Amino acid sequence: MSEPLKSVHVRLSPQAHRVLSAIADIEEKENAELARLMLEELLLGRVHTLMLAAESYKRLGFSGISGDLKGPASEGGS
């Protein structure tokens, strides 16, 4: 069973609302449903990209919230 959805209220510019409505009409969805799907896609894609970047930095030897450098970038830089 899936988790219950959380409610979020957003305000769109008139232009963004027109675009949302047009796409929703084409896809035969309600504006709110399409907005939810698009926002989830954006958010989950963004966090996936950030996680990949974090893994890359970790592999390169960058670590720590304070910006400690333990990898190649800390060896003999200018």
PDB file of N, CA and C in Angstrom:
ATOM      1  N   MET A   1       0.843  -1.177   0.000  1.00  0.00           N
ATOM      2  CA  MET A   1       0.000   0.000   0.000  1.00  0.00           C
ATOM      3  C   MET A   1       0.892   1.245   0.000  1.00  0.00           C
ATOM      4  N   SER A   2       0.554   2.208  -0.841  1.00  0.00           N
ATOM      5  CA  SER A   2       1.386   3.405  -0.933  1.00  0.00           C
ATOM      6  C   SER A   2       1.067   4.380   0.198  1.00  0.00           C
ATOM      7  N   GLU A   3       2.037   5.210   0.467  1.00  0.00           N
ATOM      8  CA  GLU A   3       1.882   6.214   1.521  1.00  0.00           C
ATOM      9  C   GLU A   3       0.881   7.280   1.075  1.00  0.00           C
ATOM     10  N   PRO A   4       0.182   7.895   2.041  1.00  0.00           N
ATOM     11  CA  PRO A   4      -0.725   8.982   1.665  1.00  0.00           C
ATOM     12  C   PRO A   4       0.063  10.182   1.141  1.00  0.00           C
ATOM     13  N   LEU A   5      -0.513  10.882   0.181  1.00  0.00           N
ATOM     14  CA  LEU A   5       0.155  12.039  -0.404  1.00  0.00           C
ATOM     15  C   LEU A   5       0.059  13.233   0.527  1.00  0.00           C
ATOM     16  N   LYS A   6       1.083  14.068   0.521  1.00  0.00           N
ATOM     17  CA  LYS A   6       1.126  15.291   1.331  1.00  0.00           C
ATOM     18  C   LYS A   6       0.624  16.464   0.489  1.00  0.00           C
ATOM     19  N   SER A   7      -0.040  17.396   1.135  1.00  0.00           N
ATOM     20  CA  SER A   7      -0.592  18.554   0.450  1.00  0.00           C
ATOM     21  C   SER A   7       0.435  19.682   0.406  1.00  0.00           C
ATOM     22  N   VAL A   8       0.539  20.329  -0.754  1.00  0.00           N
ATOM     23  CA  VAL A   8       1.418  21.484  -0.946  1.00  0.00           C
ATOM     24  C   VAL A   8       0.634  22.512  -1.751  1.00  0.00           C
ATOM     25  N   HIS A   9       0.731  23.759  -1.353  1.00  0.00           N
ATOM     26  CA  HIS A   9       0.058  24.839  -2.077  1.00  0.00           C
ATOM     27  C   HIS A   9       1.118  25.682  -2.767  1.00  0.00           C
ATOM     28  N   VAL A  10       0.938  25.901  -4.066  1.00  0.00           N
ATOM     29  CA  VAL A  10       1.888  26.738  -4.808  1.00  0.00           C
ATOM     30  C   VAL A  10       1.123  27.770  -5.624  1.00  0.00           C
ATOM     31  N   ARG A  11       1.787  28.867  -5.911  1.00  0.00           N
ATOM     32  CA  ARG A  11       1.232  29.891  -6.787  1.00  0.00           C
ATOM     33  C   ARG A  11       2.109  29.959  -8.029  1.00  0.00           C
ATOM     34  N   LEU A  12       1.467  29.989  -9.177  1.00  0.00           N
ATOM     35  CA  LEU A  12       2.174  30.043 -10.447  1.00  0.00           C
ATOM     36  C   LEU A  12       1.940  31.390 -11.112  1.00  0.00           C
ATOM     37  N   SER A  13       2.897  31.801 -11.906  1.00  0.00           N
ATOM     38  CA  SER A  13       2.689  32.990 -12.722  1.00  0.00           C
ATOM     39  C   SER A  13       1.576  32.671 -13.722  1.00  0.00           C
ATOM     40  N   PRO A  14       0.914  33.699 -14.237  1.00  0.00           N
ATOM     41  CA  PRO A  14      -0.131  33.440 -15.235  1.00  0.00           C
ATOM     42  C   PRO A  14       0.381  32.648 -16.443  1.00  0.00           C
ATOM     43  N   GLN A  15       1.585  32.951 -16.885  1.00  0.00           N
ATOM     44  CA  GLN A  15       2.151  32.233 -18.032  1.00  0.00           C
ATOM     45  C   GLN A  15       2.361  30.758 -17.697  1.00  0.00           C
ATOM     46  N   ALA A  16       2.936  30.468 -16.527  1.00  0.00           N
ATOM     47  CA  ALA A  16       3.164  29.078 -16.126  1.00  0.00           C
ATOM     48  C   ALA A  16       1.831  28.341 -15.970  1.00  0.00           C
ATOM     49  N   HIS A  17       0.824  29.023 -15.455  1.00  0.00           N
ATOM     50  CA  HIS A  17      -0.493  28.405 -15.295  1.00  0.00           C
ATOM     51  C   HIS A  17      -1.105  28.067 -16.650  1.00  0.00           C
ATOM     52  N   ARG A  18      -0.952  28.963 -17.635  1.00  0.00           N
ATOM     53  CA  ARG A  18      -1.462  28.682 -18.984  1.00  0.00           C
ATOM     54  C   ARG A  18      -0.772  27.467 -19.584  1.00  0.00           C
ATOM     55  N   VAL A  19       0.532  27.384 -19.400  1.00  0.00           N
ATOM     56  CA  VAL A  19       1.287  26.239 -19.919  1.00  0.00           C
ATOM     57  C   VAL A  19       0.841  24.959 -19.224  1.00  0.00           C
ATOM     58  N   LEU A  20       0.715  25.006 -17.910  1.00  0.00           N
ATOM     59  CA  LEU A  20       0.250  23.843 -17.156  1.00  0.00           C
ATOM     60  C   LEU A  20      -1.122  23.399 -17.651  1.00  0.00           C
ATOM     61  N   SER A  21      -2.028  24.336 -17.824  1.00  0.00           N
ATOM     62  CA  SER A  21      -3.377  24.013 -18.290  1.00  0.00           C
ATOM     63  C   SER A  21      -3.357  23.403 -19.689  1.00  0.00           C
ATOM     64  N   ALA A  22      -2.531  23.950 -20.571  1.00  0.00           N
ATOM     65  CA  ALA A  22      -2.443  23.424 -21.930  1.00  0.00           C
ATOM     66  C   ALA A  22      -1.926  21.993 -21.934  1.00  0.00           C
ATOM     67  N   ILE A  23      -0.868  21.736 -21.173  1.00  0.00           N
ATOM     68  CA  ILE A  23      -0.309  20.378 -21.114  1.00  0.00           C
ATOM     69  C   ILE A  23      -1.309  19.433 -20.465  1.00  0.00           C
ATOM     70  N   ALA A  24      -1.981  19.887 -19.419  1.00  0.00           N
ATOM     71  CA  ALA A  24      -2.983  19.057 -18.743  1.00  0.00           C
ATOM     72  C   ALA A  24      -4.116  18.698 -19.703  1.00  0.00           C
ATOM     73  N   ASP A  25      -4.547  19.642 -20.517  1.00  0.00           N
ATOM     74  CA  ASP A  25      -5.586  19.355 -21.508  1.00  0.00           C
ATOM     75  C   ASP A  25      -5.117  18.293 -22.499  1.00  0.00           C
ATOM     76  N   ILE A  26      -3.894  18.454 -22.992  1.00  0.00           N
ATOM     77  CA  ILE A  26      -3.348  17.501 -23.961  1.00  0.00           C
ATOM     78  C   ILE A  26      -3.250  16.112 -23.354  1.00  0.00           C
ATOM     79  N   GLU A  27      -2.808  16.034 -22.101  1.00  0.00           N
ATOM     80  CA  GLU A  27      -2.620  14.742 -21.440  1.00  0.00           C
ATOM     81  C   GLU A  27      -3.872  14.243 -20.729  1.00  0.00           C
ATOM     82  N   GLU A  28      -4.951  15.017 -20.840  1.00  0.00           N
ATOM     83  CA  GLU A  28      -6.232  14.659 -20.222  1.00  0.00           C
ATOM     84  C   GLU A  28      -6.091  14.388 -18.721  1.00  0.00           C
ATOM     85  N   LYS A  29      -5.445  15.331 -18.055  1.00  0.00           N
ATOM     86  CA  LYS A  29      -5.255  15.273 -16.603  1.00  0.00           C
ATOM     87  C   LYS A  29      -5.753  16.575 -15.997  1.00  0.00           C
ATOM     88  N   GLU A  30      -6.045  16.542 -14.723  1.00  0.00           N
ATOM     89  CA  GLU A  30      -6.359  17.761 -13.988  1.00  0.00           C
ATOM     90  C   GLU A  30      -5.058  18.532 -13.768  1.00  0.00           C
ATOM     91  N   ASN A  31      -5.160  19.855 -13.666  1.00  0.00           N
ATOM     92  CA  ASN A  31      -3.971  20.683 -13.434  1.00  0.00           C
ATOM     93  C   ASN A  31      -3.181  20.215 -12.210  1.00  0.00           C
ATOM     94  N   ALA A  32      -3.889  19.963 -11.107  1.00  0.00           N
ATOM     95  CA  ALA A  32      -3.211  19.585  -9.858  1.00  0.00           C
ATOM     96  C   ALA A  32      -2.467  18.262 -10.013  1.00  0.00           C
ATOM     97  N   GLU A  33      -3.076  17.302 -10.698  1.00  0.00           N
ATOM     98  CA  GLU A  33      -2.423  15.996 -10.884  1.00  0.00           C
ATOM     99  C   GLU A  33      -1.178  16.138 -11.744  1.00  0.00           C
ATOM    100  N   LEU A  34      -1.281  16.898 -12.835  1.00  0.00           N
ATOM    101  CA  LEU A  34      -0.118  17.103 -13.690  1.00  0.00           C
ATOM    102  C   LEU A  34       0.982  17.853 -12.942  1.00  0.00           C
ATOM    103  N   ALA A  35       0.610  18.878 -12.188  1.00  0.00           N
ATOM    104  CA  ALA A  35       1.603  19.630 -11.414  1.00  0.00           C
ATOM    105  C   ALA A  35       2.305  18.712 -10.417  1.00  0.00           C
ATOM    106  N   ARG A  36       1.545  17.835  -9.763  1.00  0.00           N
ATOM    107  CA  ARG A  36       2.138  16.891  -8.810  1.00  0.00           C
ATOM    108  C   ARG A  36       3.134  15.982  -9.511  1.00  0.00           C
ATOM    109  N   LEU A  37       2.748  15.430 -10.650  1.00  0.00           N
ATOM    110  CA  LEU A  37       3.638  14.525 -11.379  1.00  0.00           C
ATOM    111  C   LEU A  37       4.905  15.238 -11.842  1.00  0.00           C
ATOM    112  N   MET A  38       4.739  16.455 -12.351  1.00  0.00           N
ATOM    113  CA  MET A  38       5.901  17.209 -12.834  1.00  0.00           C
ATOM    114  C   MET A  38       6.826  17.604 -11.694  1.00  0.00           C
ATOM    115  N   LEU A  39       6.254  18.030 -10.574  1.00  0.00           N
ATOM    116  CA  LEU A  39       7.061  18.427  -9.425  1.00  0.00           C
ATOM    117  C   LEU A  39       7.812  17.229  -8.847  1.00  0.00           C
ATOM    118  N   GLU A  40       7.136  16.081  -8.734  1.00  0.00           N
ATOM    119  CA  GLU A  40       7.816  14.879  -8.239  1.00  0.00           C
ATOM    120  C   GLU A  40       8.965  14.487  -9.159  1.00  0.00           C
ATOM    121  N   GLU A  41       8.738  14.540 -10.461  1.00  0.00           N
ATOM    122  CA  GLU A  41       9.793  14.198 -11.417  1.00  0.00           C
ATOM    123  C   GLU A  41      10.995  15.122 -11.256  1.00  0.00           C
ATOM    124  N   LEU A  42      10.719  16.412 -11.126  1.00  0.00           N
ATOM    125  CA  LEU A  42      11.796  17.387 -10.946  1.00  0.00           C
ATOM    126  C   LEU A  42      12.552  17.156  -9.649  1.00  0.00           C
ATOM    127  N   LEU A  43      11.826  17.015  -8.546  1.00  0.00           N
ATOM    128  CA  LEU A  43      12.462  16.855  -7.233  1.00  0.00           C
ATOM    129  C   LEU A  43      13.259  15.560  -7.141  1.00  0.00           C
ATOM    130  N   LEU A  44      12.667  14.457  -7.572  1.00  0.00           N
ATOM    131  CA  LEU A  44      13.365  13.181  -7.474  1.00  0.00           C
ATOM    132  C   LEU A  44      14.553  13.122  -8.426  1.00  0.00           C
ATOM    133  N   GLY A  45      14.425  13.755  -9.583  1.00  0.00           N
ATOM    134  CA  GLY A  45      15.560  13.836 -10.503  1.00  0.00           C
ATOM    135  C   GLY A  45      16.685  14.676  -9.930  1.00  0.00           C
ATOM    136  N   ARG A  46      16.320  15.782  -9.289  1.00  0.00           N
ATOM    137  CA  ARG A  46      17.326  16.673  -8.700  1.00  0.00           C
ATOM    138  C   ARG A  46      18.095  15.966  -7.591  1.00  0.00           C
ATOM    139  N   VAL A  47      17.380  15.274  -6.702  1.00  0.00           N
ATOM    140  CA  VAL A  47      18.058  14.603  -5.591  1.00  0.00           C
ATOM    141  C   VAL A  47      18.922  13.458  -6.116  1.00  0.00           C
ATOM    142  N   HIS A  48      18.479  12.793  -7.180  1.00  0.00           N
ATOM    143  CA  HIS A  48      19.290  11.724  -7.770  1.00  0.00           C
ATOM    144  C   HIS A  48      20.603  12.303  -8.297  1.00  0.00           C
ATOM    145  N   THR A  49      20.511  13.433  -8.993  1.00  0.00           N
ATOM    146  CA  THR A  49      21.712  14.091  -9.517  1.00  0.00           C
ATOM    147  C   THR A  49      22.654  14.496  -8.390  1.00  0.00           C
ATOM    148  N   LEU A  50      22.100  15.048  -7.311  1.00  0.00           N
ATOM    149  CA  LEU A  50      22.929  15.447  -6.177  1.00  0.00           C
ATOM    150  C   LEU A  50      23.596  14.250  -5.512  1.00  0.00           C
ATOM    151  N   MET A  51      22.876  13.143  -5.412  1.00  0.00           N
ATOM    152  CA  MET A  51      23.457  11.932  -4.813  1.00  0.00           C
ATOM    153  C   MET A  51      24.609  11.404  -5.675  1.00  0.00           C
ATOM    154  N   LEU A  52      24.443  11.436  -6.995  1.00  0.00           N
ATOM    155  CA  LEU A  52      25.527  11.006  -7.882  1.00  0.00           C
ATOM    156  C   LEU A  52      26.745  11.909  -7.735  1.00  0.00           C
ATOM    157  N   ALA A  53      26.499  13.220  -7.628  1.00  0.00           N
ATOM    158  CA  ALA A  53      27.611  14.163  -7.447  1.00  0.00           C
ATOM    159  C   ALA A  53      28.313  13.903  -6.120  1.00  0.00           C
ATOM    160  N   ALA A  54      27.550  13.642  -5.067  1.00  0.00           N
ATOM    161  CA  ALA A  54      28.149  13.365  -3.751  1.00  0.00           C
ATOM    162  C   ALA A  54      29.014  12.108  -3.810  1.00  0.00           C
ATOM    163  N   GLU A  55      28.534  11.090  -4.504  1.00  0.00           N
ATOM    164  CA  GLU A  55      29.332   9.859  -4.633  1.00  0.00           C
ATOM    165  C   GLU A  55      30.625  10.132  -5.391  1.00  0.00           C
ATOM    166  N   SER A  56      30.535  10.951  -6.444  1.00  0.00           N
ATOM    167  CA  SER A  56      31.739  11.283  -7.217  1.00  0.00           C
ATOM    168  C   SER A  56      32.748  12.033  -6.367  1.00  0.00           C
ATOM    169  N   TYR A  57      32.273  13.024  -5.597  1.00  0.00           N
ATOM    170  CA  TYR A  57      33.181  13.768  -4.726  1.00  0.00           C
ATOM    171  C   TYR A  57      33.810  12.853  -3.691  1.00  0.00           C
ATOM    172  N   LYS A  58      33.027  11.937  -3.160  1.00  0.00           N
ATOM    173  CA  LYS A  58      33.559  11.007  -2.166  1.00  0.00           C
ATOM    174  C   LYS A  58      34.656  10.133  -2.787  1.00  0.00           C
ATOM    175  N   ARG A  59      34.405   9.654  -4.008  1.00  0.00           N
ATOM    176  CA  ARG A  59      35.388   8.829  -4.704  1.00  0.00           C
ATOM    177  C   ARG A  59      36.670   9.598  -4.992  1.00  0.00           C
ATOM    178  N   LEU A  60      36.532  10.902  -5.231  1.00  0.00           N
ATOM    179  CA  LEU A  60      37.702  11.735  -5.503  1.00  0.00           C
ATOM    180  C   LEU A  60      38.466  12.111  -4.243  1.00  0.00           C
ATOM    181  N   GLY A  61      37.892  11.803  -3.079  1.00  0.00           N
ATOM    182  CA  GLY A  61      38.580  12.082  -1.834  1.00  0.00           C
ATOM    183  C   GLY A  61      38.143  13.354  -1.142  1.00  0.00           C
ATOM    184  N   PHE A  62      37.129  14.014  -1.654  1.00  0.00           N
ATOM    185  CA  PHE A  62      36.601  15.203  -0.990  1.00  0.00           C
ATOM    186  C   PHE A  62      35.648  14.742   0.094  1.00  0.00           C
ATOM    187  N   SER A  63      35.764  15.321   1.283  1.00  0.00           N
ATOM    188  CA  SER A  63      34.875  14.895   2.353  1.00  0.00           C
ATOM    189  C   SER A  63      34.664  16.015   3.353  1.00  0.00           C
ATOM    190  N   GLY A  64      33.669  15.831   4.179  1.00  0.00           N
ATOM    191  CA  GLY A  64      33.436  16.752   5.290  1.00  0.00           C
ATOM    192  C   GLY A  64      32.612  17.964   4.926  1.00  0.00           C
ATOM    193  N   ILE A  65      31.770  18.337   5.831  1.00  0.00           N
ATOM    194  CA  ILE A  65      30.904  19.492   5.621  1.00  0.00           C
ATOM    195  C   ILE A  65      31.709  20.795   5.670  1.00  0.00           C
ATOM    196  N   SER A  66      32.866  20.767   6.312  1.00  0.00           N
ATOM    197  CA  SER A  66      33.681  21.975   6.418  1.00  0.00           C
ATOM    198  C   SER A  66      34.581  22.164   5.208  1.00  0.00           C
ATOM    199  N   GLY A  67      34.486  21.256   4.221  1.00  0.00           N
ATOM    200  CA  GLY A  67      35.276  21.406   3.014  1.00  0.00           C
ATOM    201  C   GLY A  67      36.670  20.830   3.107  1.00  0.00           C
ATOM    202  N   ASP A  68      36.882  19.912   4.050  1.00  0.00           N
ATOM    203  CA  ASP A  68      38.180  19.257   4.158  1.00  0.00           C
ATOM    204  C   ASP A  68      38.519  18.599   2.815  1.00  0.00           C
ATOM    205  N   LEU A  69      39.725  18.763   2.385  1.00  0.00           N
ATOM    206  CA  LEU A  69      40.178  18.113   1.160  1.00  0.00           C
ATOM    207  C   LEU A  69      41.210  17.061   1.532  1.00  0.00           C
ATOM    208  N   LYS A  70      40.943  15.830   1.144  1.00  0.00           N
ATOM    209  CA  LYS A  70      41.874  14.753   1.450  1.00  0.00           C
ATOM    210  C   LYS A  70      42.329  14.049   0.182  1.00  0.00           C
ATOM    211  N   GLY A  71      41.827  14.498  -0.969  1.00  0.00           N
ATOM    212  CA  GLY A  71      42.122  13.801  -2.204  1.00  0.00           C
ATOM    213  C   GLY A  71      43.112  14.529  -3.075  1.00  0.00           C
ATOM    214  N   PRO A  72      43.079  14.211  -4.355  1.00  0.00           N
ATOM    215  CA  PRO A  72      44.055  14.767  -5.305  1.00  0.00           C
ATOM    216  C   PRO A  72      44.056  16.293  -5.337  1.00  0.00           C
ATOM    217  N   ALA A  73      42.922  16.915  -5.117  1.00  0.00           N
ATOM    218  CA  ALA A  73      42.876  18.374  -5.184  1.00  0.00           C
ATOM    219  C   ALA A  73      43.687  19.024  -4.080  1.00  0.00           C
ATOM    220  N   SER A  74      43.924  18.316  -2.989  1.00  0.00           N
ATOM    221  CA  SER A  74      44.688  18.902  -1.876  1.00  0.00           C
ATOM    222  C   SER A  74      46.175  18.659  -2.006  1.00  0.00           C
ATOM    223  N   GLU A  75      46.567  17.871  -2.989  1.00  0.00           N
ATOM    224  CA  GLU A  75      47.984  17.535  -3.167  1.00  0.00           C
ATOM    225  C   GLU A  75      48.631  18.433  -4.205  1.00  0.00           C
ATOM    226  N   GLY A  76      49.358  19.387  -3.815  1.00  0.00           N
ATOM    227  CA  GLY A  76      50.138  20.201  -4.740  1.00  0.00           C
ATOM    228  C   GLY A  76      49.347  21.169  -5.578  1.00  0.00           C
ATOM    229  N   GLY A  77      48.232  21.645  -5.094  1.00  0.00           N
ATOM    230  CA  GLY A  77      47.476  22.657  -5.821  1.00  0.00           C
ATOM    231  C   GLY A  77      48.168  24.007  -5.743  1.00  0.00           C
ATOM    232  N   SER A  78      47.666  24.981  -6.472  1.00  0.00           N
ATOM    233  CA  SER A  78      48.320  26.296  -6.427  1.00  0.00           C
ATOM    234  C   SER A  78      47.704  27.190  -5.406  1.00  0.00           C
TER     235      SER A  78
END
